[in-house]
Amino acid sequence: MKCPFCGSERIESGISWGKSAETGNVGLKYTANGFFPITGVAEVYSDLCLDCKTILRTYIKEDTDKNWSHNPGSFGTK
């Protein structure tokens, strides 16, 4: 992969996002339907150019067939 902004090939791939206090994952929120609906978070990853410090791509690695939440707020809020 080559950075489209600076041309560098020094790209670090698959860097996971997290919170500084390690109290949970930062990511895309969804509701898993079932007997007891559960709110979950799909962990987010990014590819970073090490020279110009641009995040080139942000993505998840798990299945995308989920009931994604479009409501703002912290984990556990509606």
Protein backbone atom coordinates (compact mmCIF):
# COMPACT_ATOMS: atom_id res chain seq x y z
CA MET A 1 0.00 0.00 0.00
CA LYS A 2 1.18 3.50 -0.80
CA CYS A 3 0.01 6.70 0.90
CA PRO A 4 -1.94 8.82 -1.61
CA PHE A 5 -0.96 12.02 0.24
CA CYS A 6 2.83 11.76 0.62
CA GLY A 7 3.75 8.69 -1.46
CA SER A 8 5.30 6.82 1.46
CA GLU A 9 5.15 3.05 1.65
CA ARG A 10 5.72 3.08 5.43
CA ILE A 11 2.18 2.05 6.34
CA GLU A 12 1.30 0.36 9.64
CA SER A 13 -1.80 -1.79 9.08
CA GLY A 14 -4.40 -3.18 11.46
CA ILE A 15 -3.90 -0.83 14.40
CA SER A 16 -6.75 -1.39 16.87
CA TRP A 17 -8.59 1.47 18.53
CA GLY A 18 -9.01 1.57 22.30
CA LYS A 19 -9.67 3.74 25.33
CA SER A 20 -6.87 5.03 27.52
CA ALA A 21 -8.50 3.61 30.66
CA GLU A 22 -9.13 0.23 28.95
CA THR A 23 -12.74 0.22 30.16
CA GLY A 24 -14.11 -1.12 26.88
CA ASN A 25 -13.83 -0.99 23.13
CA VAL A 26 -14.26 2.05 20.95
CA GLY A 27 -16.13 1.09 17.85
CA LEU A 28 -19.37 0.78 15.96
CA LYS A 29 -22.35 0.07 18.22
CA TYR A 30 -24.99 -2.56 17.38
CA THR A 31 -27.82 -4.47 19.03
CA ALA A 32 -27.81 -8.27 18.92
CA ASN A 33 -31.39 -9.48 18.81
CA GLY A 34 -32.42 -12.45 20.90
CA PHE A 35 -34.30 -13.31 24.05
CA PHE A 36 -32.35 -10.56 25.85
CA PRO A 37 -31.23 -7.83 23.39
CA ILE A 38 -27.56 -7.08 23.96
CA THR A 39 -25.66 -3.97 22.86
CA GLY A 40 -22.27 -4.77 21.39
CA VAL A 41 -19.36 -2.91 19.82
CA ALA A 42 -17.47 -3.96 16.70
CA GLU A 43 -13.81 -3.15 17.28
CA VAL A 44 -12.37 -0.64 14.81
CA TYR A 45 -8.96 -0.83 13.11
CA SER A 46 -7.00 1.68 11.03
CA ASP A 47 -4.08 1.78 8.62
CA LEU A 48 -1.68 4.68 9.39
CA CYS A 49 0.99 6.39 7.28
CA LEU A 50 4.03 6.61 9.54
CA ASP A 51 5.49 9.55 7.61
CA CYS A 52 2.63 12.06 7.21
CA LYS A 53 0.53 10.61 10.07
CA THR A 54 -2.62 10.25 7.95
CA ILE A 55 -5.19 7.57 8.79
CA LEU A 56 -5.62 5.97 5.38
CA ARG A 57 -8.40 3.51 6.10
CA THR A 58 -10.70 2.65 9.01
CA TYR A 59 -12.51 -0.68 9.09
CA ILE A 60 -13.90 -3.58 11.13
CA LYS A 61 -12.94 -7.23 10.71
CA GLU A 62 -16.17 -8.92 11.78
CA ASP A 63 -19.44 -9.65 10.01
CA THR A 64 -21.36 -6.55 8.89
CA ASP A 65 -24.82 -8.15 8.94
CA LYS A 66 -25.86 -6.52 12.24
CA ASN A 67 -28.54 -4.21 13.61
CA TRP A 68 -26.28 -1.10 13.63
CA SER A 69 -27.12 1.72 16.03
CA HIS A 70 -27.57 5.21 14.58
CA ASN A 71 -28.07 6.84 17.98
CA PRO A 72 -25.24 8.85 19.57
CA GLY A 73 -24.15 8.19 23.11
CA SER A 74 -22.02 5.94 25.26
CA PHE A 75 -22.21 2.18 25.44
CA GLY A 76 -25.48 1.16 27.13
CA THR A 77 -27.38 4.36 26.27
CA LYS A 78 -30.24 4.42 23.82
